[in-house]
Amino acid sequence: MKICAHCGGSITVIERISRGSTCPHCGKYLHSCVNCRFYSPGSYHDCGEPQAEYVSDKKAANFCDYFVFRDSDEKLSALKEDEKKTARDEFDKLFGD
């Protein structure tokens, strides 16, 4: 199952996602870095694909040839990492470094 990184709605991918494909739930573009399995915040250009060109707006539609729609379990693990970082930041605010 695939999920939209913008709204969390489930996406049924029947064919290749084109640059203009939008989420049926929120209307945002699906062919964007945040929906790609190579999206890796903190990596060089926030991308795990070393040959991909730089994309400035990670949430906008792009022409990247390396785009592969992220599986839902990959998205969930990325969300868990964000939650861990947020929890650690909150802890540090309370108790200092």
Protein backbone atom coordinates (compact mmCIF):
# COMPACT_ATOMS: atom_id res chain seq x y z
CA MET A 1 0.00 0.00 0.00
CA LYS A 2 1.16 3.51 -0.80
CA ILE A 3 0.33 6.62 1.21
CA CYS A 4 0.52 10.31 0.37
CA ALA A 5 3.25 12.08 2.35
CA HIS A 6 1.19 15.27 2.36
CA CYS A 7 -2.06 14.01 3.91
CA GLY A 8 -1.53 10.33 4.81
CA GLY A 9 -4.30 9.15 2.48
CA SER A 10 -3.91 5.75 0.85
CA ILE A 11 -3.01 5.74 -2.84
CA THR A 12 -3.74 2.96 -5.30
CA VAL A 13 -0.93 2.99 -7.85
CA ILE A 14 -2.06 1.23 -11.01
CA GLU A 15 0.47 2.69 -13.43
CA ARG A 16 3.50 4.95 -13.38
CA ILE A 17 3.06 8.20 -11.47
CA SER A 18 3.45 11.12 -13.88
CA ARG A 19 4.61 14.63 -12.96
CA GLY A 20 1.03 15.90 -13.00
CA SER A 21 -0.52 13.11 -10.90
CA THR A 22 -2.30 14.39 -7.81
CA CYS A 23 -3.57 12.82 -4.60
CA PRO A 24 -7.31 12.07 -4.74
CA HIS A 25 -7.59 13.10 -1.07
CA CYS A 26 -5.67 16.39 -0.80
CA GLY A 27 -4.99 17.32 -4.44
CA LYS A 28 -1.22 17.77 -3.94
CA TYR A 29 1.31 16.40 -6.41
CA LEU A 30 2.36 12.77 -5.95
CA HIS A 31 5.54 12.93 -8.07
CA SER A 32 7.46 14.88 -5.43
CA CYS A 33 10.53 14.18 -3.32
CA VAL A 34 8.58 13.65 -0.09
CA ASN A 35 6.72 10.75 -1.74
CA CYS A 36 9.87 9.12 -3.13
CA ARG A 37 11.61 6.14 -1.53
CA PHE A 38 14.95 7.91 -2.03
CA TYR A 39 13.88 10.98 0.00
CA SER A 40 16.26 11.12 2.93
CA PRO A 41 16.31 14.35 4.95
CA GLY A 42 19.81 15.13 6.09
CA SER A 43 21.47 13.36 3.15
CA TYR A 44 23.19 15.27 0.37
CA HIS A 45 20.36 17.17 -1.39
CA ASP A 46 18.00 15.22 0.93
CA CYS A 47 18.18 12.33 -1.53
CA GLY A 48 19.54 8.82 -1.23
CA GLU A 49 19.99 8.53 -5.01
CA PRO A 50 23.50 9.87 -5.76
CA GLN A 51 22.80 10.60 -9.45
CA ALA A 52 19.60 12.59 -8.94
CA GLU A 53 19.68 16.31 -9.69
CA TYR A 54 19.00 18.86 -6.96
CA VAL A 55 15.33 19.75 -6.38
CA SER A 56 14.74 22.90 -4.34
CA ASP A 57 11.08 22.37 -3.38
CA LYS A 58 10.75 18.83 -2.05
CA LYS A 59 6.93 19.01 -1.89
CA ALA A 60 6.38 20.25 -5.45
CA ALA A 61 6.07 18.17 -8.59
CA ASN A 62 9.38 17.49 -10.33
CA PHE A 63 10.89 15.74 -13.34
CA CYS A 64 13.23 13.36 -11.47
CA ASP A 65 13.79 10.16 -13.46
CA TYR A 66 14.73 8.23 -10.30
CA PHE A 67 11.35 8.71 -8.60
CA VAL A 68 9.92 5.54 -7.04
CA PHE A 69 6.79 5.89 -4.91
CA ARG A 70 7.58 5.14 -1.27
CA ASP A 71 5.90 2.13 0.40
CA SER A 72 3.77 2.86 3.44
CA ASP A 73 6.07 1.00 5.84
CA GLU A 74 8.98 3.22 4.70
CA LYS A 75 6.87 6.30 5.36
CA LEU A 76 5.89 5.07 8.80
CA SER A 77 9.51 4.46 9.76
CA ALA A 78 10.40 7.98 8.59
CA LEU A 79 7.55 9.37 10.70
CA LYS A 80 8.82 7.45 13.72
CA GLU A 81 12.29 8.97 13.26
CA ASP A 82 10.73 12.45 13.17
CA GLU A 83 8.79 11.67 16.35
CA LYS A 84 11.98 10.49 18.08
CA LYS A 85 13.78 13.69 17.14
CA THR A 86 10.88 15.84 18.35
CA ALA A 87 10.72 13.94 21.64
CA ARG A 88 14.48 14.32 22.12
CA ASP A 89 14.28 18.07 21.38
CA GLU A 90 11.48 18.50 23.90
CA PHE A 91 13.46 16.54 26.49
CA ASP A 92 16.52 18.74 25.89
CA LYS A 93 14.41 21.89 26.30
CA LEU A 94 13.21 20.66 29.69
CA PHE A 95 16.43 19.30 31.11
CA GLY A 96 19.18 20.95 29.05
CA ASP A 97 21.97 19.26 27.15
